[in-house]
Amino acid sequence: MSNLYSFGLGVGTHNSKGQWLEVYYPKPQLNPSAALAAAANKALGYSGGNQAIALDNSQLAALAAALEAAGEADQATLARSLQESQRPLVATLLSEDAAPASVPEGYLKLQLISHRLVKPHGTNLTGLFGTLPNVAWTNLGAIDLDELPERQLQARLQGELLDVDCVDKFPKMTNYVVPKGVRIAHTARVRLGAYIGEGTTIMHEGFVNFNAGTEGPGMIEGRISAGVFVGKGSDLGGGCSTMGTLSGGGNIIISVGEECLLGANAGIGIPLGDRCTVEAGLYITAGTKVILLDDGNNEVEQLKARELAGKSDLLFRRNSITGAVECKTNKSAVALNAELHANN
C-alpha cells in the first residue's frame, strides 16, 4: 500500500436524502504514513484511490484497533471518540491531489488549508463550486435549503427561532479551525479554506476568501479575494481590495509581497513585489496607464501597470493636479507593531 496524499476522520451533516452537506475533520493529515494506509486497508477494505467511506461504530472500532497497532495513537484516539457520535461519520482517504469529487473530499482539502498544512494554490480545488452544495448555515448547523422552511416552522412551533446566519457554499472558518496566534474581529468574514498565518490581525471590515490568506504577521482591514496570498509584514488598509482570479476572469494570480501597504480604499489587479505601496483610493488594474518617475520626479516613460507586476520597491500614487497615475521607487517599507501582532 503506497502512501496517501491526505487522510481525515470526520463527523458531518446529511440532509433527509442522506446527502452530505458538510464535514468537520478535527485532525486532518497531509502525507500520512504508509502504516496508516495499511490500517485503513485492513479495517475498511480501502485499496487505493480517492474515497470517502461512510463509517458505522463497528468499522470505527476496527479502524481504531488497526490504527493503534500501526502506531497511529492520535488517530486511534480520535476514532474511539467518534464512536460516541450519533452524527454521520466518514473516513476520507486521498491517494492523489486530484480535483475534489465529493463533499467530504472538498471539505478535507479546505481544512488542510485552514490548518496551515498547505498554502493557497497548494492543493487542487478544481470544480469545488460545483461539488459543494449551497447550504443554510444556522444556529443549529447546516440545513438543506429545500428543508429549511419546514425546520423554521418546527422551531417556531416549539417557541424557538432558527437563526440563519448566511446562505453559502462555504461556512465560516472558525466553526472548523481557529489557527494559533491570530485575531479575527468578525469571524463571519473569513471563509473555510482561508490560510491565516500566525501574527495576523483581521479587523472588522477585513475579509478573507477560500484558497487565499496571509503569511503573517499582518494587518488586514480590507479584502483578500479568492486565490490571493499576502506576504509577511504587509498591511491592507480599510476598505481596500485585491482582485481575485475568479472575479477577474483571467488566469493571473494576484499576490501581495512582503512589507507592502495598500492604503484605505485602494485596490490592485496586478501582483505586487515586496515593499510596495499603493496610495489610498487608488485602484490599479493591469491596463492602468502608469507614468514612471525618476528620483527627481521627472517622467521616464509611460507603460501599462501589468509591466510592473511582481516588481519590488514601488510607490503608486495619483497626481492630485493632473490625475495621472504615477510610480516611483519606494524608499521606505511598512513596519508593523510587533506587540500588536503577537496575538498570544
C-alpha atoms as a PDB file:
ATOM      1  CA  MET A   1       0.000   0.000   0.000  1.00  0.00           C
ATOM      2  CA  SER A   2       1.556   3.306  -1.109  1.00  0.00           C
ATOM      3  CA  ASN A   3       1.496   6.469   0.971  1.00  0.00           C
ATOM      4  CA  LEU A   4      -1.596   8.659   0.978  1.00  0.00           C
ATOM      5  CA  TYR A   5      -1.786  12.305  -0.024  1.00  0.00           C
ATOM      6  CA  SER A   6      -4.259  13.074   2.774  1.00  0.00           C
ATOM      7  CA  PHE A   7      -6.438  11.386   5.387  1.00  0.00           C
ATOM      8  CA  GLY A   8      -9.229  12.611   7.626  1.00  0.00           C
ATOM      9  CA  LEU A   9     -11.727  11.165  10.082  1.00  0.00           C
ATOM     10  CA  GLY A  10     -14.777  13.389  10.083  1.00  0.00           C
ATOM     11  CA  VAL A  11     -18.207  13.988  11.522  1.00  0.00           C
ATOM     12  CA  GLY A  12     -20.713  15.809   9.370  1.00  0.00           C
ATOM     13  CA  THR A  13     -24.274  16.560   8.357  1.00  0.00           C
ATOM     14  CA  HIS A  14     -26.638  14.825   5.939  1.00  0.00           C
ATOM     15  CA  ASN A  15     -29.887  16.109   4.503  1.00  0.00           C
ATOM     16  CA  SER A  16     -33.007  13.910   4.650  1.00  0.00           C
ATOM     17  CA  LYS A  17     -31.866  12.113   1.485  1.00  0.00           C
ATOM     18  CA  GLY A  18     -28.587  11.056   3.080  1.00  0.00           C
ATOM     19  CA  GLN A  19     -26.529  13.502   1.027  1.00  0.00           C
ATOM     20  CA  TRP A  20     -23.539  15.239   2.613  1.00  0.00           C
ATOM     21  CA  LEU A  21     -23.906  18.938   3.428  1.00  0.00           C
ATOM     22  CA  GLU A  22     -20.620  19.436   5.299  1.00  0.00           C
ATOM     23  CA  VAL A  23     -17.883  17.550   7.193  1.00  0.00           C
ATOM     24  CA  TYR A  24     -15.728  18.552  10.160  1.00  0.00           C
ATOM     25  CA  TYR A  25     -12.269  16.957  10.391  1.00  0.00           C
ATOM     26  CA  PRO A  26     -10.730  17.526  13.854  1.00  0.00           C
ATOM     27  CA  LYS A  27      -7.267  16.261  12.875  1.00  0.00           C
ATOM     28  CA  PRO A  28      -6.747  16.126   9.103  1.00  0.00           C
ATOM     29  CA  GLN A  29      -3.420  14.747   7.930  1.00  0.00           C
ATOM     30  CA  LEU A  30      -1.230  15.600   4.966  1.00  0.00           C
ATOM     31  CA  ASN A  31       1.059  12.862   3.647  1.00  0.00           C
ATOM     32  CA  PRO A  32       0.198  10.311   6.372  1.00  0.00           C
ATOM     33  CA  SER A  33       2.317   7.220   6.806  1.00  0.00           C
ATOM     34  CA  ALA A  34       2.104   4.041   4.766  1.00  0.00           C
ATOM     35  CA  ALA A  35       1.202   2.298   8.034  1.00  0.00           C
ATOM     36  CA  LEU A  36      -1.959   4.407   8.291  1.00  0.00           C
ATOM     37  CA  ALA A  37      -2.964   3.466   4.741  1.00  0.00           C
ATOM     38  CA  ALA A  38      -2.355  -0.201   5.575  1.00  0.00           C
ATOM     39  CA  ALA A  39      -4.532   0.145   8.700  1.00  0.00           C
ATOM     40  CA  ALA A  40      -7.356   1.625   6.583  1.00  0.00           C
ATOM     41  CA  ASN A  41      -6.985  -1.247   4.142  1.00  0.00           C
ATOM     42  CA  LYS A  42      -7.214  -3.785   6.954  1.00  0.00           C
ATOM     43  CA  ALA A  43     -10.179  -2.222   8.769  1.00  0.00           C
ATOM     44  CA  LEU A  44     -12.163  -0.654   5.898  1.00  0.00           C
ATOM     45  CA  GLY A  45     -11.107  -2.577   2.829  1.00  0.00           C
ATOM     46  CA  TYR A  46      -9.522   0.551   1.336  1.00  0.00           C
ATOM     47  CA  SER A  47      -7.482  -0.469  -1.698  1.00  0.00           C
ATOM     48  CA  GLY A  48      -6.454   2.873  -3.157  1.00  0.00           C
ATOM     49  CA  GLY A  49      -7.806   5.897  -4.971  1.00  0.00           C
ATOM     50  CA  ASN A  50      -9.691   8.871  -3.576  1.00  0.00           C
ATOM     51  CA  GLN A  51     -12.549   7.625  -1.427  1.00  0.00           C
ATOM     52  CA  ALA A  52     -14.971   8.894   1.219  1.00  0.00           C
ATOM     53  CA  ILE A  53     -16.075   5.851   3.229  1.00  0.00           C
ATOM     54  CA  ALA A  54     -19.151   6.194   5.442  1.00  0.00           C
ATOM     55  CA  LEU A  55     -18.498   4.629   8.849  1.00  0.00           C
ATOM     56  CA  ASP A  56     -20.534   2.855  11.500  1.00  0.00           C
ATOM     57  CA  ASN A  57     -19.436   2.058  15.067  1.00  0.00           C
ATOM     58  CA  SER A  58     -18.162  -1.438  14.235  1.00  0.00           C
ATOM     59  CA  GLN A  59     -15.983  -0.055  11.439  1.00  0.00           C
ATOM     60  CA  LEU A  60     -14.711   2.681  13.735  1.00  0.00           C
ATOM     61  CA  ALA A  61     -13.809   0.137  16.401  1.00  0.00           C
ATOM     62  CA  ALA A  62     -11.922  -1.945  13.841  1.00  0.00           C
ATOM     63  CA  LEU A  63     -10.205   1.137  12.467  1.00  0.00           C
ATOM     64  CA  ALA A  64      -9.214   2.326  15.954  1.00  0.00           C
ATOM     65  CA  ALA A  65      -7.636  -1.056  16.706  1.00  0.00           C
ATOM     66  CA  ALA A  66      -5.799  -1.116  13.376  1.00  0.00           C
ATOM     67  CA  LEU A  67      -4.534   2.446  13.838  1.00  0.00           C
ATOM     68  CA  GLU A  68      -3.332   1.638  17.345  1.00  0.00           C
ATOM     69  CA  ALA A  69      -1.459  -1.409  16.077  1.00  0.00           C
ATOM     70  CA  ALA A  70       0.086   0.723  13.323  1.00  0.00           C
ATOM     71  CA  GLY A  71       1.444   3.207  15.863  1.00  0.00           C
ATOM     72  CA  GLU A  72      -1.053   5.925  14.905  1.00  0.00           C
ATOM     73  CA  ALA A  73      -2.143   6.601  18.502  1.00  0.00           C
ATOM     74  CA  ASP A  74      -3.501  10.106  17.851  1.00  0.00           C
ATOM     75  CA  GLN A  75      -5.804   8.975  15.043  1.00  0.00           C
ATOM     76  CA  ALA A  76      -6.791   5.868  17.016  1.00  0.00           C
ATOM     77  CA  THR A  77      -7.893   8.060  19.935  1.00  0.00           C
ATOM     78  CA  LEU A  78      -9.930  10.215  17.562  1.00  0.00           C
ATOM     79  CA  ALA A  79     -11.589   7.122  16.048  1.00  0.00           C
ATOM     80  CA  ARG A  80     -12.639   5.930  19.510  1.00  0.00           C
ATOM     81  CA  SER A  81     -14.068   9.327  20.440  1.00  0.00           C
ATOM     82  CA  LEU A  82     -16.157   9.393  17.256  1.00  0.00           C
ATOM     83  CA  GLN A  83     -17.853   6.137  18.239  1.00  0.00           C
ATOM     84  CA  GLU A  84     -19.920   8.143  20.724  1.00  0.00           C
ATOM     85  CA  SER A  85     -21.418  10.293  17.962  1.00  0.00           C
ATOM     86  CA  GLN A  86     -24.908   9.914  16.542  1.00  0.00           C
ATOM     87  CA  ARG A  87     -23.954  12.019  13.531  1.00  0.00           C
ATOM     88  CA  PRO A  88     -22.862  10.784  10.082  1.00  0.00           C
ATOM     89  CA  LEU A  89     -19.199   9.718  10.148  1.00  0.00           C
ATOM     90  CA  VAL A  90     -16.698   9.376   7.332  1.00  0.00           C
ATOM     91  CA  ALA A  91     -13.120   8.370   6.633  1.00  0.00           C
ATOM     92  CA  THR A  92     -11.781  10.295   3.651  1.00  0.00           C
ATOM     93  CA  LEU A  93      -8.661   8.943   2.007  1.00  0.00           C
ATOM     94  CA  LEU A  94      -6.955  10.714  -0.888  1.00  0.00           C
ATOM     95  CA  SER A  95      -4.255   8.838  -2.751  1.00  0.00           C
ATOM     96  CA  GLU A  96      -3.559  11.797  -5.050  1.00  0.00           C
ATOM     97  CA  ASP A  97      -4.147  15.528  -5.187  1.00  0.00           C
ATOM     98  CA  ALA A  98      -6.990  15.390  -7.695  1.00  0.00           C
ATOM     99  CA  ALA A  99      -9.995  17.677  -8.088  1.00  0.00           C
ATOM    100  CA  PRO A 100     -12.483  17.010  -5.259  1.00  0.00           C
ATOM    101  CA  ALA A 101     -15.247  14.696  -6.440  1.00  0.00           C
ATOM    102  CA  SER A 102     -17.407  14.717  -3.296  1.00  0.00           C
ATOM    103  CA  VAL A 103     -18.379  16.957  -0.383  1.00  0.00           C
ATOM    104  CA  PRO A 104     -16.145  15.055   2.090  1.00  0.00           C
ATOM    105  CA  GLU A 105     -13.174  15.414  -0.263  1.00  0.00           C
ATOM    106  CA  GLY A 106     -13.798  19.138  -0.744  1.00  0.00           C
ATOM    107  CA  TYR A 107     -14.121  19.803   2.974  1.00  0.00           C
ATOM    108  CA  LEU A 108     -10.947  17.874   3.712  1.00  0.00           C
ATOM    109  CA  LYS A 109      -8.990  19.984   1.244  1.00  0.00           C
ATOM    110  CA  LEU A 110     -10.406  23.244   2.616  1.00  0.00           C
ATOM    111  CA  GLN A 111      -9.444  22.235   6.126  1.00  0.00           C
ATOM    112  CA  LEU A 112      -5.920  21.289   5.035  1.00  0.00           C
ATOM    113  CA  ILE A 113      -5.518  24.944   4.040  1.00  0.00           C
ATOM    114  CA  SER A 114      -7.081  26.421   7.169  1.00  0.00           C
ATOM    115  CA  HIS A 115      -4.978  24.109   9.375  1.00  0.00           C
ATOM    116  CA  ARG A 116      -1.917  25.578   7.575  1.00  0.00           C
ATOM    117  CA  LEU A 117      -0.939  22.166   6.225  1.00  0.00           C
ATOM    118  CA  VAL A 118      -0.927  23.529   2.670  1.00  0.00           C
ATOM    119  CA  LYS A 119      -0.864  27.110   1.421  1.00  0.00           C
ATOM    120  CA  PRO A 120      -3.299  28.642  -1.070  1.00  0.00           C
ATOM    121  CA  HIS A 121      -2.827  27.059  -4.517  1.00  0.00           C
ATOM    122  CA  GLY A 122      -1.108  24.164  -2.742  1.00  0.00           C
ATOM    123  CA  THR A 123      -3.945  21.705  -3.339  1.00  0.00           C
ATOM    124  CA  ASN A 124      -6.202  21.039  -6.316  1.00  0.00           C
ATOM    125  CA  LEU A 125      -9.619  22.685  -5.837  1.00  0.00           C
ATOM    126  CA  THR A 126     -10.742  22.490  -9.472  1.00  0.00           C
ATOM    127  CA  GLY A 127     -14.544  22.300  -9.722  1.00  0.00           C
ATOM    128  CA  LEU A 128     -15.085  22.844  -6.000  1.00  0.00           C
ATOM    129  CA  PHE A 129     -18.023  25.225  -6.546  1.00  0.00           C
ATOM    130  CA  GLY A 130     -19.890  22.571  -8.467  1.00  0.00           C
ATOM    131  CA  THR A 131     -19.119  19.924  -5.850  1.00  0.00           C
ATOM    132  CA  LEU A 132     -20.267  21.765  -2.723  1.00  0.00           C
ATOM    133  CA  PRO A 133     -23.990  22.357  -2.112  1.00  0.00           C
ATOM    134  CA  ASN A 134     -25.444  25.733  -1.230  1.00  0.00           C
ATOM    135  CA  VAL A 135     -26.421  25.475   2.438  1.00  0.00           C
ATOM    136  CA  ALA A 136     -28.294  27.470   5.084  1.00  0.00           C
ATOM    137  CA  TRP A 137     -25.843  27.943   7.964  1.00  0.00           C
ATOM    138  CA  THR A 138     -27.852  28.285  11.160  1.00  0.00           C
ATOM    139  CA  ASN A 139     -27.516  28.188  14.935  1.00  0.00           C
ATOM    140  CA  LEU A 140     -28.459  24.502  14.606  1.00  0.00           C
ATOM    141  CA  GLY A 141     -25.841  23.781  11.956  1.00  0.00           C
ATOM    142  CA  ALA A 142     -26.068  23.170   8.219  1.00  0.00           C
ATOM    143  CA  ILE A 143     -29.567  22.733   6.742  1.00  0.00           C
ATOM    144  CA  ASP A 144     -30.550  21.798   3.198  1.00  0.00           C
ATOM    145  CA  LEU A 145     -32.274  24.789   1.584  1.00  0.00           C
ATOM    146  CA  ASP A 146     -35.207  22.644   0.442  1.00  0.00           C
ATOM    147  CA  GLU A 147     -35.726  21.543   4.049  1.00  0.00           C
ATOM    148  CA  LEU A 148     -35.248  24.970   5.619  1.00  0.00           C
ATOM    149  CA  PRO A 149     -38.929  26.144   5.606  1.00  0.00           C
ATOM    150  CA  GLU A 150     -40.067  23.024   7.479  1.00  0.00           C
ATOM    151  CA  ARG A 151     -37.231  23.355  10.005  1.00  0.00           C
ATOM    152  CA  GLN A 152     -38.106  27.018  10.544  1.00  0.00           C
ATOM    153  CA  LEU A 153     -41.745  26.099  11.165  1.00  0.00           C
ATOM    154  CA  GLN A 154     -40.782  23.336  13.602  1.00  0.00           C
ATOM    155  CA  ALA A 155     -38.644  25.776  15.552  1.00  0.00           C
ATOM    156  CA  ARG A 156     -41.464  28.345  15.751  1.00  0.00           C
ATOM    157  CA  LEU A 157     -43.945  25.721  16.931  1.00  0.00           C
ATOM    158  CA  GLN A 158     -41.523  24.902  19.746  1.00  0.00           C
ATOM    159  CA  GLY A 159     -41.269  28.569  20.706  1.00  0.00           C
ATOM    160  CA  GLU A 160     -37.759  28.857  19.269  1.00  0.00           C
ATOM    161  CA  LEU A 161     -36.103  30.832  16.489  1.00  0.00           C
ATOM    162  CA  LEU A 162     -33.988  29.175  13.823  1.00  0.00           C
ATOM    163  CA  ASP A 163     -31.355  31.814  13.151  1.00  0.00           C
ATOM    164  CA  VAL A 164     -29.989  31.703   9.583  1.00  0.00           C
ATOM    165  CA  ASP A 165     -26.567  33.318   9.660  1.00  0.00           C
ATOM    166  CA  CYS A 166     -25.932  33.023   5.917  1.00  0.00           C
ATOM    167  CA  VAL A 167     -26.712  31.037   2.780  1.00  0.00           C
ATOM    168  CA  ASP A 168     -23.487  29.971   1.099  1.00  0.00           C
ATOM    169  CA  LYS A 169     -21.389  27.083  -0.184  1.00  0.00           C
ATOM    170  CA  PHE A 170     -18.654  27.889   2.346  1.00  0.00           C
ATOM    171  CA  PRO A 171     -19.065  28.140   6.138  1.00  0.00           C
ATOM    172  CA  LYS A 172     -17.037  30.452   8.303  1.00  0.00           C
ATOM    173  CA  MET A 173     -13.586  29.119   9.084  1.00  0.00           C
ATOM    174  CA  THR A 174     -13.735  29.479  12.868  1.00  0.00           C
ATOM    175  CA  ASN A 175     -16.518  26.886  13.173  1.00  0.00           C
ATOM    176  CA  TYR A 176     -13.946  24.360  11.934  1.00  0.00           C
ATOM    177  CA  VAL A 177     -10.479  25.773  12.627  1.00  0.00           C
ATOM    178  CA  VAL A 178      -9.100  28.528  14.872  1.00  0.00           C
ATOM    179  CA  PRO A 179      -5.416  28.815  13.946  1.00  0.00           C
ATOM    180  CA  LYS A 180      -2.858  29.649  16.603  1.00  0.00           C
ATOM    181  CA  GLY A 181      -1.806  33.242  17.124  1.00  0.00           C
ATOM    182  CA  VAL A 182      -4.458  35.178  15.195  1.00  0.00           C
ATOM    183  CA  ARG A 183      -7.092  37.793  15.950  1.00  0.00           C
ATOM    184  CA  ILE A 184     -10.302  37.838  13.910  1.00  0.00           C
ATOM    185  CA  ALA A 185     -12.700  40.619  14.854  1.00  0.00           C
ATOM    186  CA  HIS A 186     -15.635  39.439  12.679  1.00  0.00           C
ATOM    187  CA  THR A 187     -15.466  35.674  12.178  1.00  0.00           C
ATOM    188  CA  ALA A 188     -18.209  35.557   9.531  1.00  0.00           C
ATOM    189  CA  ARG A 189     -15.854  37.411   7.178  1.00  0.00           C
ATOM    190  CA  VAL A 190     -13.297  34.593   6.992  1.00  0.00           C
ATOM    191  CA  ARG A 191     -14.397  31.582   4.908  1.00  0.00           C
ATOM    192  CA  LEU A 192     -13.337  27.991   5.466  1.00  0.00           C
ATOM    193  CA  GLY A 193     -10.339  27.355   3.240  1.00  0.00           C
ATOM    194  CA  ALA A 194      -8.630  30.603   4.260  1.00  0.00           C
ATOM    195  CA  TYR A 195      -4.992  30.398   5.353  1.00  0.00           C
ATOM    196  CA  ILE A 196      -4.414  32.780   8.263  1.00  0.00           C
ATOM    197  CA  GLY A 197      -0.735  32.908   9.212  1.00  0.00           C
ATOM    198  CA  GLU A 198       0.418  33.384  12.798  1.00  0.00           C
ATOM    199  CA  GLY A 199       0.527  37.008  13.861  1.00  0.00           C
ATOM    200  CA  THR A 200      -2.292  38.056  11.520  1.00  0.00           C
ATOM    201  CA  THR A 201      -4.895  40.515  12.762  1.00  0.00           C
ATOM    202  CA  ILE A 202      -8.125  40.740  10.774  1.00  0.00           C
ATOM    203  CA  MET A 203     -10.191  43.754  11.763  1.00  0.00           C
ATOM    204  CA  HIS A 204     -13.983  44.042  11.496  1.00  0.00           C
ATOM    205  CA  GLU A 205     -14.020  45.079   7.822  1.00  0.00           C
ATOM    206  CA  GLY A 206     -11.335  42.606   6.790  1.00  0.00           C
ATOM    207  CA  PHE A 207     -12.411  39.682   4.594  1.00  0.00           C
ATOM    208  CA  VAL A 208     -10.528  36.531   3.567  1.00  0.00           C
ATOM    209  CA  ASN A 209     -11.904  34.183   0.909  1.00  0.00           C
ATOM    210  CA  PHE A 210     -11.138  30.466   0.496  1.00  0.00           C
ATOM    211  CA  ASN A 211      -7.817  29.425  -1.111  1.00  0.00           C
ATOM    212  CA  ALA A 212      -6.410  32.782  -0.029  1.00  0.00           C
ATOM    213  CA  GLY A 213      -4.810  34.315   3.027  1.00  0.00           C
ATOM    214  CA  THR A 214      -1.758  35.682   4.773  1.00  0.00           C
ATOM    215  CA  GLU A 215       1.739  34.504   5.589  1.00  0.00           C
ATOM    216  CA  GLY A 216       1.583  36.523   8.822  1.00  0.00           C
ATOM    217  CA  PRO A 217       2.213  38.699  10.637  1.00  0.00           C
ATOM    218  CA  GLY A 218      -0.019  41.267   9.018  1.00  0.00           C
ATOM    219  CA  MET A 219      -2.875  43.725   9.444  1.00  0.00           C
ATOM    220  CA  ILE A 220      -5.940  43.082   7.292  1.00  0.00           C
ATOM    221  CA  GLU A 221      -8.643  45.745   7.147  1.00  0.00           C
ATOM    222  CA  GLY A 222      -9.525  45.148   3.504  1.00  0.00           C
ATOM    223  CA  ARG A 223     -10.497  42.300   1.180  1.00  0.00           C
ATOM    224  CA  ILE A 224      -8.337  39.305   0.314  1.00  0.00           C
ATOM    225  CA  SER A 225     -10.155  37.723  -2.635  1.00  0.00           C
ATOM    226  CA  ALA A 226     -10.052  34.085  -3.741  1.00  0.00           C
ATOM    227  CA  GLY A 227      -6.565  32.982  -4.739  1.00  0.00           C
ATOM    228  CA  VAL A 228      -4.736  35.984  -3.269  1.00  0.00           C
ATOM    229  CA  PHE A 229      -1.864  35.441  -0.814  1.00  0.00           C
ATOM    230  CA  VAL A 230      -0.384  38.277   1.264  1.00  0.00           C
ATOM    231  CA  GLY A 231       3.253  38.198   2.356  1.00  0.00           C
ATOM    232  CA  LYS A 232       4.525  38.749   5.871  1.00  0.00           C
ATOM    233  CA  GLY A 233       4.578  42.213   7.348  1.00  0.00           C
ATOM    234  CA  SER A 234       2.037  43.682   4.929  1.00  0.00           C
ATOM    235  CA  ASP A 235      -0.855  45.997   5.814  1.00  0.00           C
ATOM    236  CA  LEU A 236      -4.142  46.117   3.889  1.00  0.00           C
ATOM    237  CA  GLY A 237      -5.902  49.354   4.832  1.00  0.00           C
ATOM    238  CA  GLY A 238      -9.604  49.828   5.500  1.00  0.00           C
ATOM    239  CA  GLY A 239     -11.850  49.114   2.518  1.00  0.00           C
ATOM    240  CA  CYS A 240      -9.026  48.169   0.147  1.00  0.00           C
ATOM    241  CA  SER A 241      -9.430  45.311  -2.307  1.00  0.00           C
ATOM    242  CA  THR A 242      -7.416  42.677  -4.129  1.00  0.00           C
ATOM    243  CA  MET A 243      -8.811  41.299  -7.385  1.00  0.00           C
ATOM    244  CA  GLY A 244      -9.407  37.554  -7.224  1.00  0.00           C
ATOM    245  CA  THR A 245      -8.584  35.205 -10.094  1.00  0.00           C
ATOM    246  CA  LEU A 246     -12.215  34.060 -10.301  1.00  0.00           C
ATOM    247  CA  SER A 247     -13.717  37.553 -10.304  1.00  0.00           C
ATOM    248  CA  GLY A 248     -11.057  38.942 -12.634  1.00  0.00           C
ATOM    249  CA  GLY A 249     -11.886  36.473 -15.369  1.00  0.00           C
ATOM    250  CA  GLY A 250      -8.219  35.838 -16.173  1.00  0.00           C
ATOM    251  CA  ASN A 251      -5.581  33.432 -15.029  1.00  0.00           C
ATOM    252  CA  ILE A 252      -3.145  35.899 -13.431  1.00  0.00           C
ATOM    253  CA  ILE A 253      -2.752  35.078  -9.749  1.00  0.00           C
ATOM    254  CA  ILE A 254      -2.795  38.258  -7.690  1.00  0.00           C
ATOM    255  CA  SER A 255      -0.471  38.372  -4.699  1.00  0.00           C
ATOM    256  CA  VAL A 256       0.946  40.911  -2.282  1.00  0.00           C
ATOM    257  CA  GLY A 257       4.614  40.689  -1.344  1.00  0.00           C
ATOM    258  CA  GLU A 258       6.271  41.323   1.996  1.00  0.00           C
ATOM    259  CA  GLU A 259       6.084  44.661   3.844  1.00  0.00           C
ATOM    260  CA  CYS A 260       3.585  46.192   1.440  1.00  0.00           C
ATOM    261  CA  LEU A 261       0.910  48.786   2.161  1.00  0.00           C
ATOM    262  CA  LEU A 262      -2.427  49.126   0.383  1.00  0.00           C
ATOM    263  CA  GLY A 263      -3.961  52.390   1.540  1.00  0.00           C
ATOM    264  CA  ALA A 264      -7.592  52.773   2.562  1.00  0.00           C
ATOM    265  CA  ASN A 265      -9.972  52.089  -0.360  1.00  0.00           C
ATOM    266  CA  ALA A 266      -7.071  51.262  -2.671  1.00  0.00           C
ATOM    267  CA  GLY A 267      -7.034  48.173  -4.878  1.00  0.00           C
ATOM    268  CA  ILE A 268      -4.831  46.037  -7.077  1.00  0.00           C
ATOM    269  CA  GLY A 269      -5.407  43.917 -10.164  1.00  0.00           C
ATOM    270  CA  ILE A 270      -1.707  43.055 -10.536  1.00  0.00           C
ATOM    271  CA  PRO A 271       0.614  41.114  -8.222  1.00  0.00           C
ATOM    272  CA  LEU A 272       2.906  43.272  -6.098  1.00  0.00           C
ATOM    273  CA  GLY A 273       6.510  42.528  -5.214  1.00  0.00           C
ATOM    274  CA  ASP A 274       7.990  43.340  -1.810  1.00  0.00           C
ATOM    275  CA  ARG A 275       7.919  46.753  -0.109  1.00  0.00           C
ATOM    276  CA  CYS A 276       5.333  48.277  -2.436  1.00  0.00           C
ATOM    277  CA  THR A 277       2.844  50.991  -1.519  1.00  0.00           C
ATOM    278  CA  VAL A 278      -0.425  51.891  -3.226  1.00  0.00           C
ATOM    279  CA  GLU A 279      -1.845  55.275  -2.271  1.00  0.00           C
ATOM    280  CA  ALA A 280      -5.237  55.453  -0.551  1.00  0.00           C
ATOM    281  CA  GLY A 281      -8.120  55.449  -3.022  1.00  0.00           C
ATOM    282  CA  LEU A 282      -6.024  54.346  -5.999  1.00  0.00           C
ATOM    283  CA  TYR A 283      -7.149  51.180  -7.827  1.00  0.00           C
ATOM    284  CA  ILE A 284      -4.578  49.755 -10.215  1.00  0.00           C
ATOM    285  CA  THR A 285      -5.648  47.241 -12.873  1.00  0.00           C
ATOM    286  CA  ALA A 286      -3.426  45.530 -15.414  1.00  0.00           C
ATOM    287  CA  GLY A 287      -4.338  48.063 -18.093  1.00  0.00           C
ATOM    288  CA  THR A 288      -3.883  51.190 -15.969  1.00  0.00           C
ATOM    289  CA  LYS A 289      -1.514  53.635 -17.681  1.00  0.00           C
ATOM    290  CA  VAL A 290       1.314  54.499 -15.320  1.00  0.00           C
ATOM    291  CA  ILE A 291       3.928  57.242 -15.622  1.00  0.00           C
ATOM    292  CA  LEU A 292       7.344  56.165 -14.305  1.00  0.00           C
ATOM    293  CA  LEU A 293       9.196  58.874 -12.416  1.00  0.00           C
ATOM    294  CA  ASP A 294      12.866  59.164 -11.525  1.00  0.00           C
ATOM    295  CA  ASP A 295      14.189  60.410  -8.181  1.00  0.00           C
ATOM    296  CA  GLY A 296      13.688  63.986  -9.338  1.00  0.00           C
ATOM    297  CA  ASN A 297      10.007  63.305 -10.155  1.00  0.00           C
ATOM    298  CA  ASN A 298      10.736  63.605 -13.884  1.00  0.00           C
ATOM    299  CA  GLU A 299       8.845  61.376 -16.324  1.00  0.00           C
ATOM    300  CA  VAL A 300      10.942  58.478 -17.615  1.00  0.00           C
ATOM    301  CA  GLU A 301       8.368  56.556 -19.624  1.00  0.00           C
ATOM    302  CA  GLN A 302       4.693  55.602 -19.753  1.00  0.00           C
ATOM    303  CA  LEU A 303       3.537  51.995 -19.653  1.00  0.00           C
ATOM    304  CA  LYS A 304       0.724  49.730 -18.504  1.00  0.00           C
ATOM    305  CA  ALA A 305       0.668  48.519 -14.915  1.00  0.00           C
ATOM    306  CA  ARG A 306       0.940  44.848 -15.977  1.00  0.00           C
ATOM    307  CA  GLU A 307       4.551  45.585 -16.979  1.00  0.00           C
ATOM    308  CA  LEU A 308       5.312  46.351 -13.329  1.00  0.00           C
ATOM    309  CA  ALA A 309       3.668  43.198 -11.976  1.00  0.00           C
ATOM    310  CA  GLY A 310       5.710  41.478  -9.296  1.00  0.00           C
ATOM    311  CA  LYS A 311       8.392  44.171  -9.115  1.00  0.00           C
ATOM    312  CA  SER A 312       9.528  45.365  -5.690  1.00  0.00           C
ATOM    313  CA  ASP A 313      10.094  48.765  -4.052  1.00  0.00           C
ATOM    314  CA  LEU A 314       7.424  50.676  -5.961  1.00  0.00           C
ATOM    315  CA  LEU A 315       5.193  53.531  -4.834  1.00  0.00           C
ATOM    316  CA  PHE A 316       1.977  54.019  -6.801  1.00  0.00           C
ATOM    317  CA  ARG A 317       0.199  57.355  -6.428  1.00  0.00           C
ATOM    318  CA  ARG A 318      -2.192  59.629  -8.287  1.00  0.00           C
ATOM    319  CA  ASN A 319      -1.074  63.131  -9.178  1.00  0.00           C
ATOM    320  CA  SER A 320      -3.523  65.386  -7.365  1.00  0.00           C
ATOM    321  CA  ILE A 321      -3.314  68.039 -10.097  1.00  0.00           C
ATOM    322  CA  THR A 322      -3.312  66.065 -13.347  1.00  0.00           C
ATOM    323  CA  GLY A 323      -4.995  62.878 -12.105  1.00  0.00           C
ATOM    324  CA  ALA A 324      -2.312  60.764 -13.765  1.00  0.00           C
ATOM    325  CA  VAL A 325      -1.191  57.539 -12.059  1.00  0.00           C
ATOM    326  CA  GLU A 326       2.500  57.742 -11.212  1.00  0.00           C
ATOM    327  CA  CYS A 327       5.063  55.243  -9.970  1.00  0.00           C
ATOM    328  CA  LYS A 328       8.423  55.842  -8.376  1.00  0.00           C
ATOM    329  CA  THR A 329      10.883  53.921  -6.219  1.00  0.00           C
ATOM    330  CA  ASN A 330       9.607  53.375  -2.684  1.00  0.00           C
ATOM    331  CA  LYS A 331      12.367  54.330  -0.251  1.00  0.00           C
ATOM    332  CA  SER A 332      10.544  53.004   2.827  1.00  0.00           C
ATOM    333  CA  ALA A 333       8.720  49.867   3.882  1.00  0.00           C
ATOM    334  CA  VAL A 334       5.879  49.117   6.262  1.00  0.00           C
ATOM    335  CA  ALA A 335       6.917  48.443   9.870  1.00  0.00           C
ATOM    336  CA  LEU A 336       4.270  46.554  11.846  1.00  0.00           C
ATOM    337  CA  ASN A 337       3.972  46.878  15.608  1.00  0.00           C
ATOM    338  CA  ALA A 338       5.402  43.585  16.905  1.00  0.00           C
ATOM    339  CA  GLU A 339       3.391  43.735  20.142  1.00  0.00           C
ATOM    340  CA  LEU A 340       0.168  44.379  18.242  1.00  0.00           C
ATOM    341  CA  HIS A 341       0.572  41.223  16.138  1.00  0.00           C
ATOM    342  CA  ALA A 342       1.893  38.783  18.749  1.00  0.00           C
ATOM    343  CA  ASN A 343      -1.705  37.527  19.312  1.00  0.00           C
ATOM    344  CA  ASN A 344      -0.769  35.251  22.189  1.00  0.00           C
END
